């Protein structure tokens, strides 16, 4: 199984909508993990800042749209899970 986009954002907030097909998100705030399946174009998933996310189990026809509250900034990503845990503990 291939996992995409395992990371968190320090400040960025997003809404993800599956326009077609489906995929699974694993959300982790450092204490609780929750699996969410996106498979309806009339529902969106809000992902707040400092929420570790993994995206997996994409259907062949999966098409996502992601709405963000700010522009792309590579410096605000955390891409290592241990670094994420350390960051949120401060």
Protein backbone atom coordinates (compact mmCIF):
# COMPACT_ATOMS: atom_id res chain seq x y z
CA UNK A 1 0.00 0.00 0.00
CA UNK A 2 1.38 3.36 -1.01
CA UNK A 3 0.87 6.30 1.37
CA UNK A 4 0.95 9.85 0.12
CA UNK A 5 1.33 13.14 1.89
CA UNK A 6 2.35 12.06 5.37
CA UNK A 7 2.91 15.45 6.95
CA UNK A 8 1.44 18.28 8.95
CA UNK A 9 1.22 22.02 8.57
CA UNK A 10 2.10 24.39 11.40
CA UNK A 11 -0.43 27.06 10.37
CA UNK A 12 -2.27 25.98 7.22
CA UNK A 13 -5.89 24.80 7.36
CA UNK A 14 -7.52 22.83 4.56
CA UNK A 15 -10.82 21.45 3.36
CA UNK A 16 -10.56 18.34 1.17
CA UNK A 17 -13.39 17.16 -1.08
CA UNK A 18 -13.49 13.97 -3.15
CA UNK A 19 -15.00 15.14 -6.43
CA UNK A 20 -14.90 11.57 -7.76
CA UNK A 21 -13.86 8.19 -6.43
CA UNK A 22 -12.58 7.74 -2.91
CA UNK A 23 -9.55 7.76 -0.64
CA UNK A 24 -8.78 7.39 3.03
CA UNK A 25 -7.24 9.91 5.40
CA UNK A 26 -5.62 8.99 8.69
CA UNK A 27 -5.69 12.04 10.97
CA UNK A 28 -3.55 12.17 14.09
CA UNK A 29 -3.32 15.01 16.61
CA UNK A 30 -0.54 13.28 18.55
CA UNK A 31 -2.99 11.61 20.94
CA UNK A 32 -5.88 10.25 18.87
CA UNK A 33 -5.87 8.72 15.38
CA UNK A 34 -8.99 8.70 13.23
CA UNK A 35 -9.59 7.16 9.81
CA UNK A 36 -11.88 9.06 7.45
CA UNK A 37 -13.01 7.84 4.05
CA UNK A 38 -13.83 10.52 1.53
CA UNK A 39 -16.21 9.26 -1.13
CA UNK A 40 -18.93 11.89 -1.56
CA UNK A 41 -18.61 15.17 -3.46
CA UNK A 42 -21.19 16.84 -1.19
CA UNK A 43 -19.06 16.42 1.98
CA UNK A 44 -15.71 17.96 2.83
CA UNK A 45 -13.09 17.09 5.41
CA UNK A 46 -11.69 19.97 7.47
CA UNK A 47 -8.05 19.50 8.47
CA UNK A 48 -6.83 22.04 10.99
CA UNK A 49 -3.28 23.10 11.69
CA UNK A 50 -0.97 20.72 13.54
CA UNK A 51 -2.90 17.66 12.38
CA UNK A 52 -0.72 14.85 11.05
CA UNK A 53 -2.30 13.33 7.96
CA UNK A 54 -1.71 10.35 5.75
CA UNK A 55 -3.59 9.79 2.49
CA UNK A 56 -3.99 6.23 1.19
CA UNK A 57 -6.27 3.71 -0.53
CA UNK A 58 -7.00 5.86 -3.55
CA UNK A 59 -9.54 4.49 -6.00
CA UNK A 60 -8.49 4.51 -9.64
CA UNK A 61 -10.87 7.40 -10.39
CA UNK A 62 -10.12 9.49 -7.28
CA UNK A 63 -10.14 13.23 -7.86
CA UNK A 64 -9.61 15.57 -4.90
CA UNK A 65 -9.92 19.30 -4.56
CA UNK A 66 -8.12 20.93 -1.66
CA UNK A 67 -9.03 24.39 -0.41
CA UNK A 68 -6.42 26.12 1.75
CA UNK A 69 -6.45 29.27 3.83
CA UNK A 70 -3.02 30.42 2.65
CA UNK A 71 -0.40 30.07 -0.08
CA UNK A 72 2.10 27.19 -0.32
CA UNK A 73 5.09 27.64 2.01
CA UNK A 74 7.51 24.71 2.22
CA UNK A 75 8.99 26.03 5.49
CA UNK A 76 5.73 25.45 7.39
CA UNK A 77 5.58 21.71 6.64
CA UNK A 78 6.67 19.06 9.12
CA UNK A 79 7.41 15.83 7.25
CA UNK A 80 8.83 13.66 10.03
CA UNK A 81 6.41 12.17 12.58
CA UNK A 82 8.86 12.37 15.50
CA UNK A 83 9.48 16.04 14.70
CA UNK A 84 5.71 16.56 14.64
CA UNK A 85 5.30 15.00 18.09
CA UNK A 86 8.10 17.16 19.45
CA UNK A 87 6.62 20.31 17.85
CA UNK A 88 3.12 19.82 19.33
CA UNK A 89 4.48 19.03 22.79
CA UNK A 90 5.85 22.58 23.18
